[in-house]
PDB file of N, CA and C in Angstrom:
ATOM      1  N   MET A   1      20.909   8.663   6.630  1.00  0.00           N
ATOM      2  CA  MET A   1      19.660   9.149   7.161  1.00  0.00           C
ATOM      3  C   MET A   1      18.596   8.093   6.894  1.00  0.00           C
ATOM      4  N   GLU A   2      17.644   8.015   7.778  1.00  0.00           N
ATOM      5  CA  GLU A   2      16.571   7.046   7.648  1.00  0.00           C
ATOM      6  C   GLU A   2      15.236   7.744   7.868  1.00  0.00           C
ATOM      7  N   LEU A   3      14.240   7.331   7.098  1.00  0.00           N
ATOM      8  CA  LEU A   3      12.887   7.858   7.230  1.00  0.00           C
ATOM      9  C   LEU A   3      11.978   6.682   7.533  1.00  0.00           C
ATOM     10  N   LEU A   4      11.189   6.781   8.574  1.00  0.00           N
ATOM     11  CA  LEU A   4      10.261   5.728   8.963  1.00  0.00           C
ATOM     12  C   LEU A   4       8.845   6.221   8.724  1.00  0.00           C
ATOM     13  N   LEU A   5       8.081   5.452   7.993  1.00  0.00           N
ATOM     14  CA  LEU A   5       6.699   5.786   7.687  1.00  0.00           C
ATOM     15  C   LEU A   5       5.814   4.710   8.299  1.00  0.00           C
ATOM     16  N   THR A   6       4.891   5.116   9.145  1.00  0.00           N
ATOM     17  CA  THR A   6       3.970   4.181   9.778  1.00  0.00           C
ATOM     18  C   THR A   6       2.570   4.449   9.255  1.00  0.00           C
ATOM     19  N   LEU A   7       1.912   3.408   8.781  1.00  0.00           N
ATOM     20  CA  LEU A   7       0.556   3.538   8.246  1.00  0.00           C
ATOM     21  C   LEU A   7      -0.420   2.809   9.162  1.00  0.00           C
ATOM     22  N   ASP A   8      -1.535   3.430   9.457  1.00  0.00           N
ATOM     23  CA  ASP A   8      -2.568   2.820  10.285  1.00  0.00           C
ATOM     24  C   ASP A   8      -3.565   2.120   9.359  1.00  0.00           C
ATOM     25  N   ILE A   9      -3.478   0.814   9.301  1.00  0.00           N
ATOM     26  CA  ILE A   9      -4.312   0.012   8.396  1.00  0.00           C
ATOM     27  C   ILE A   9      -5.799   0.236   8.666  1.00  0.00           C
ATOM     28  N   ASP A  10      -6.184   0.351   9.942  1.00  0.00           N
ATOM     29  CA  ASP A  10      -7.601   0.546  10.275  1.00  0.00           C
ATOM     30  C   ASP A  10      -8.134   1.860   9.710  1.00  0.00           C
ATOM     31  N   VAL A  11      -7.339   2.928   9.801  1.00  0.00           N
ATOM     32  CA  VAL A  11      -7.760   4.228   9.269  1.00  0.00           C
ATOM     33  C   VAL A  11      -7.796   4.172   7.742  1.00  0.00           C
ATOM     34  N   ILE A  12      -6.786   3.571   7.146  1.00  0.00           N
ATOM     35  CA  ILE A  12      -6.742   3.459   5.686  1.00  0.00           C
ATOM     36  C   ILE A  12      -7.955   2.687   5.178  1.00  0.00           C
ATOM     37  N   ARG A  13      -8.292   1.601   5.867  1.00  0.00           N
ATOM     38  CA  ARG A  13      -9.445   0.788   5.453  1.00  0.00           C
ATOM     39  C   ARG A  13     -10.726   1.630   5.407  1.00  0.00           C
ATOM     40  N   VAL A  14     -10.912   2.502   6.375  1.00  0.00           N
ATOM     41  CA  VAL A  14     -12.120   3.332   6.454  1.00  0.00           C
ATOM     42  C   VAL A  14     -12.102   4.447   5.412  1.00  0.00           C
ATOM     43  N   GLU A  15     -10.916   4.995   5.134  1.00  0.00           N
ATOM     44  CA  GLU A  15     -10.827   6.188   4.300  1.00  0.00           C
ATOM     45  C   GLU A  15     -10.316   5.929   2.874  1.00  0.00           C
ATOM     46  N   MET A  16     -10.274   4.654   2.461  1.00  0.00           N
ATOM     47  CA  MET A  16      -9.795   4.337   1.114  1.00  0.00           C
ATOM     48  C   MET A  16     -10.633   5.059   0.067  1.00  0.00           C
ATOM     49  N   LYS A  17      -9.970   5.635  -0.898  1.00  0.00           N
ATOM     50  CA  LYS A  17     -10.636   6.340  -1.994  1.00  0.00           C
ATOM     51  C   LYS A  17     -10.994   5.337  -3.099  1.00  0.00           C
ATOM     52  N   PRO A  18     -12.047   5.611  -3.863  1.00  0.00           N
ATOM     53  CA  PRO A  18     -12.449   4.710  -4.949  1.00  0.00           C
ATOM     54  C   PRO A  18     -11.331   4.424  -5.953  1.00  0.00           C
ATOM     55  N   ALA A  19     -10.470   5.387  -6.209  1.00  0.00           N
ATOM     56  CA  ALA A  19      -9.377   5.161  -7.168  1.00  0.00           C
ATOM     57  C   ALA A  19      -8.445   4.060  -6.672  1.00  0.00           C
ATOM     58  N   PHE A  20      -8.189   4.028  -5.371  1.00  0.00           N
ATOM     59  CA  PHE A  20      -7.323   2.992  -4.795  1.00  0.00           C
ATOM     60  C   PHE A  20      -8.017   1.634  -4.831  1.00  0.00           C
ATOM     61  N   THR A  21      -9.268   1.589  -4.368  1.00  0.00           N
ATOM     62  CA  THR A  21      -9.964   0.306  -4.331  1.00  0.00           C
ATOM     63  C   THR A  21     -10.176  -0.253  -5.736  1.00  0.00           C
ATOM     64  N   SER A  22     -10.496   0.595  -6.682  1.00  0.00           N
ATOM     65  CA  SER A  22     -10.688   0.138  -8.061  1.00  0.00           C
ATOM     66  C   SER A  22      -9.404  -0.448  -8.635  1.00  0.00           C
ATOM     67  N   LYS A  23      -8.290   0.156  -8.289  1.00  0.00           N
ATOM     68  CA  LYS A  23      -6.996  -0.284  -8.818  1.00  0.00           C
ATOM     69  C   LYS A  23      -6.591  -1.655  -8.263  1.00  0.00           C
ATOM     70  N   TYR A  24      -6.926  -1.942  -7.009  1.00  0.00           N
ATOM     71  CA  TYR A  24      -6.410  -3.142  -6.353  1.00  0.00           C
ATOM     72  C   TYR A  24      -7.449  -4.205  -6.013  1.00  0.00           C
ATOM     73  N   LYS A  25      -8.735  -3.890  -6.120  1.00  0.00           N
ATOM     74  CA  LYS A  25      -9.748  -4.845  -5.655  1.00  0.00           C
ATOM     75  C   LYS A  25      -9.744  -6.165  -6.416  1.00  0.00           C
ATOM     76  N   SER A  26      -9.231  -6.182  -7.623  1.00  0.00           N
ATOM     77  CA  SER A  26      -9.172  -7.451  -8.353  1.00  0.00           C
ATOM     78  C   SER A  26      -8.198  -8.434  -7.692  1.00  0.00           C
ATOM     79  N   ASN A  27      -7.333  -7.940  -6.817  1.00  0.00           N
ATOM     80  CA  ASN A  27      -6.393  -8.796  -6.087  1.00  0.00           C
ATOM     81  C   ASN A  27      -6.965  -9.315  -4.770  1.00  0.00           C
ATOM     82  N   TRP A  28      -8.153  -8.852  -4.404  1.00  0.00           N
ATOM     83  CA  TRP A  28      -8.749  -9.211  -3.123  1.00  0.00           C
ATOM     84  C   TRP A  28      -9.831 -10.279  -3.318  1.00  0.00           C
ATOM     85  N   VAL A  29      -9.880 -11.260  -2.430  1.00  0.00           N
ATOM     86  CA  VAL A  29     -10.892 -12.305  -2.506  1.00  0.00           C
ATOM     87  C   VAL A  29     -12.285 -11.694  -2.355  1.00  0.00           C
ATOM     88  N   ASP A  30     -12.481 -10.908  -1.304  1.00  0.00           N
ATOM     89  CA  ASP A  30     -13.726 -10.167  -1.113  1.00  0.00           C
ATOM     90  C   ASP A  30     -13.424  -8.730  -1.522  1.00  0.00           C
ATOM     91  N   GLN A  31     -13.880  -8.340  -2.692  1.00  0.00           N
ATOM     92  CA  GLN A  31     -13.501  -7.053  -3.262  1.00  0.00           C
ATOM     93  C   GLN A  31     -13.998  -5.858  -2.460  1.00  0.00           C
ATOM     94  N   GLU A  32     -14.958  -6.053  -1.609  1.00  0.00           N
ATOM     95  CA  GLU A  32     -15.471  -4.960  -0.780  1.00  0.00           C
ATOM     96  C   GLU A  32     -14.813  -4.923   0.592  1.00  0.00           C
ATOM     97  N   ASN A  33     -14.105  -5.982   0.965  1.00  0.00           N
ATOM     98  CA  ASN A  33     -13.536  -6.067   2.309  1.00  0.00           C
ATOM     99  C   ASN A  33     -12.213  -6.836   2.273  1.00  0.00           C
ATOM    100  N   PRO A  34     -11.122  -6.167   1.878  1.00  0.00           N
ATOM    101  CA  PRO A  34      -9.839  -6.859   1.809  1.00  0.00           C
ATOM    102  C   PRO A  34      -9.340  -7.257   3.201  1.00  0.00           C
ATOM    103  N   THR A  35      -8.629  -8.361   3.263  1.00  0.00           N
ATOM    104  CA  THR A  35      -8.000  -8.760   4.522  1.00  0.00           C
ATOM    105  C   THR A  35      -6.850  -7.798   4.810  1.00  0.00           C
ATOM    106  N   ASP A  36      -6.345  -7.842   6.021  1.00  0.00           N
ATOM    107  CA  ASP A  36      -5.192  -7.003   6.365  1.00  0.00           C
ATOM    108  C   ASP A  36      -4.008  -7.318   5.463  1.00  0.00           C
ATOM    109  N   VAL A  37      -3.785  -8.593   5.191  1.00  0.00           N
ATOM    110  CA  VAL A  37      -2.661  -9.008   4.336  1.00  0.00           C
ATOM    111  C   VAL A  37      -2.849  -8.467   2.920  1.00  0.00           C
ATOM    112  N   GLU A  38      -4.048  -8.592   2.374  1.00  0.00           N
ATOM    113  CA  GLU A  38      -4.317  -8.084   1.029  1.00  0.00           C
ATOM    114  C   GLU A  38      -4.137  -6.563   0.968  1.00  0.00           C
ATOM    115  N   LEU A  39      -4.623  -5.880   1.990  1.00  0.00           N
ATOM    116  CA  LEU A  39      -4.515  -4.430   2.022  1.00  0.00           C
ATOM    117  C   LEU A  39      -3.051  -3.995   2.140  1.00  0.00           C
ATOM    118  N   LYS A  40      -2.279  -4.682   2.969  1.00  0.00           N
ATOM    119  CA  LYS A  40      -0.853  -4.365   3.108  1.00  0.00           C
ATOM    120  C   LYS A  40      -0.120  -4.549   1.789  1.00  0.00           C
ATOM    121  N   GLU A  41      -0.422  -5.610   1.072  1.00  0.00           N
ATOM    122  CA  GLU A  41       0.226  -5.852  -0.222  1.00  0.00           C
ATOM    123  C   GLU A  41      -0.130  -4.744  -1.220  1.00  0.00           C
ATOM    124  N   SER A  42      -1.386  -4.339  -1.226  1.00  0.00           N
ATOM    125  CA  SER A  42      -1.809  -3.265  -2.124  1.00  0.00           C
ATOM    126  C   SER A  42      -1.125  -1.952  -1.763  1.00  0.00           C
ATOM    127  N   LEU A  43      -1.006  -1.668  -0.478  1.00  0.00           N
ATOM    128  CA  LEU A  43      -0.330  -0.453  -0.036  1.00  0.00           C
ATOM    129  C   LEU A  43       1.150  -0.480  -0.410  1.00  0.00           C
ATOM    130  N   LYS A  44       1.797  -1.634  -0.236  1.00  0.00           N
ATOM    131  CA  LYS A  44       3.206  -1.755  -0.629  1.00  0.00           C
ATOM    132  C   LYS A  44       3.367  -1.505  -2.121  1.00  0.00           C
ATOM    133  N   ASP A  45       2.475  -2.075  -2.913  1.00  0.00           N
ATOM    134  CA  ASP A  45       2.533  -1.861  -4.360  1.00  0.00           C
ATOM    135  C   ASP A  45       2.375  -0.378  -4.701  1.00  0.00           C
ATOM    136  N   GLU A  46       1.440   0.283  -4.029  1.00  0.00           N
ATOM    137  CA  GLU A  46       1.193   1.700  -4.305  1.00  0.00           C
ATOM    138  C   GLU A  46       2.383   2.569  -3.880  1.00  0.00           C
ATOM    139  N   VAL A  47       2.990   2.255  -2.745  1.00  0.00           N
ATOM    140  CA  VAL A  47       4.176   2.991  -2.301  1.00  0.00           C
ATOM    141  C   VAL A  47       5.311   2.797  -3.301  1.00  0.00           C
ATOM    142  N   ASN A  48       5.500   1.562  -3.761  1.00  0.00           N
ATOM    143  CA  ASN A  48       6.543   1.291  -4.758  1.00  0.00           C
ATOM    144  C   ASN A  48       6.325   2.102  -6.034  1.00  0.00           C
ATOM    145  N   VAL A  49       5.089   2.189  -6.496  1.00  0.00           N
ATOM    146  CA  VAL A  49       4.768   2.958  -7.698  1.00  0.00           C
ATOM    147  C   VAL A  49       5.118   4.432  -7.476  1.00  0.00           C
ATOM    148  N   GLY A  50       4.725   4.966  -6.330  1.00  0.00           N
ATOM    149  CA  GLY A  50       5.003   6.372  -6.035  1.00  0.00           C
ATOM    150  C   GLY A  50       6.489   6.669  -5.940  1.00  0.00           C
ATOM    151  N   LEU A  51       7.235   5.784  -5.310  1.00  0.00           N
ATOM    152  CA  LEU A  51       8.674   6.001  -5.185  1.00  0.00           C
ATOM    153  C   LEU A  51       9.375   5.904  -6.534  1.00  0.00           C
ATOM    154  N   ARG A  52       8.962   4.954  -7.356  1.00  0.00           N
ATOM    155  CA  ARG A  52       9.550   4.850  -8.697  1.00  0.00           C
ATOM    156  C   ARG A  52       9.241   6.106  -9.515  1.00  0.00           C
ATOM    157  N   TYR A  53       8.041   6.650  -9.347  1.00  0.00           N
ATOM    158  CA  TYR A  53       7.659   7.876 -10.033  1.00  0.00           C
ATOM    159  C   TYR A  53       8.603   9.024  -9.658  1.00  0.00           C
ATOM    160  N   LEU A  54       9.049   9.011  -8.415  1.00  0.00           N
ATOM    161  CA  LEU A  54       9.972  10.043  -7.929  1.00  0.00           C
ATOM    162  C   LEU A  54      11.425   9.755  -8.299  1.00  0.00           C
ATOM    163  N   GLY A  55      11.653   8.629  -8.969  1.00  0.00           N
ATOM    164  CA  GLY A  55      13.011   8.286  -9.375  1.00  0.00           C
ATOM    165  C   GLY A  55      13.787   7.551  -8.309  1.00  0.00           C
ATOM    166  N   ILE A  56      13.093   7.025  -7.317  1.00  0.00           N
ATOM    167  CA  ILE A  56      13.750   6.270  -6.248  1.00  0.00           C
ATOM    168  C   ILE A  56      13.611   4.791  -6.573  1.00  0.00           C
ATOM    169  N   SER A  57      14.743   4.160  -6.840  1.00  0.00           N
ATOM    170  CA  SER A  57      14.712   2.753  -7.233  1.00  0.00           C
ATOM    171  C   SER A  57      14.569   1.851  -6.004  1.00  0.00           C
ATOM    172  N   GLU A  58      14.128   0.623  -6.240  1.00  0.00           N
ATOM    173  CA  GLU A  58      13.867  -0.308  -5.144  1.00  0.00           C
ATOM    174  C   GLU A  58      15.116  -0.666  -4.356  1.00  0.00           C
ATOM    175  N   ASP A  59      16.298  -0.501  -4.929  1.00  0.00           N
ATOM    176  CA  ASP A  59      17.508  -0.799  -4.169  1.00  0.00           C
ATOM    177  C   ASP A  59      17.846   0.314  -3.183  1.00  0.00           C
ATOM    178  N   MET A  60      17.075   1.402  -3.194  1.00  0.00           N
ATOM    179  CA  MET A  60      17.322   2.523  -2.290  1.00  0.00           C
ATOM    180  C   MET A  60      16.424   2.477  -1.055  1.00  0.00           C
ATOM    181  N   PHE A  61      15.477   1.523  -0.998  1.00  0.00           N
ATOM    182  CA  PHE A  61      14.579   1.474   0.143  1.00  0.00           C
ATOM    183  C   PHE A  61      14.203   0.037   0.461  1.00  0.00           C
ATOM    184  N   GLU A  62      13.670  -0.145   1.658  1.00  0.00           N
ATOM    185  CA  GLU A  62      13.224  -1.450   2.123  1.00  0.00           C
ATOM    186  C   GLU A  62      11.913  -1.252   2.864  1.00  0.00           C
ATOM    187  N   ILE A  63      10.943  -2.085   2.577  1.00  0.00           N
ATOM    188  CA  ILE A  63       9.673  -2.038   3.291  1.00  0.00           C
ATOM    189  C   ILE A  63       9.718  -3.129   4.341  1.00  0.00           C
ATOM    190  N   VAL A  64       9.566  -2.737   5.607  1.00  0.00           N
ATOM    191  CA  VAL A  64       9.621  -3.658   6.734  1.00  0.00           C
ATOM    192  C   VAL A  64       8.274  -3.647   7.424  1.00  0.00           C
ATOM    193  N   GLU A  65       7.718  -4.819   7.639  1.00  0.00           N
ATOM    194  CA  GLU A  65       6.444  -4.913   8.327  1.00  0.00           C
ATOM    195  C   GLU A  65       6.672  -5.176   9.793  1.00  0.00           C
ATOM    196  N   SER A  66       5.800  -4.611  10.618  1.00  0.00           N
ATOM    197  CA  SER A  66       5.898  -4.890  12.059  1.00  0.00           C
ATOM    198  C   SER A  66       4.733  -5.724  12.511  1.00  0.00           C
TER     199      SER A  66
END
């Protein structure tokens, strides 16, 4: 079985919560306006954290960018 998750970067950029931006903004050159690449990396990191929390190891999933 396969599950596909599609995230809309433009919507995420507008609706980012302070907890998310505070956690990742130190990785962004412009801390108030991350590039698409910076935002994608932060989102991948956050998804990885959530999946590990659920007991899903990295060998059980693959993140593919389109």
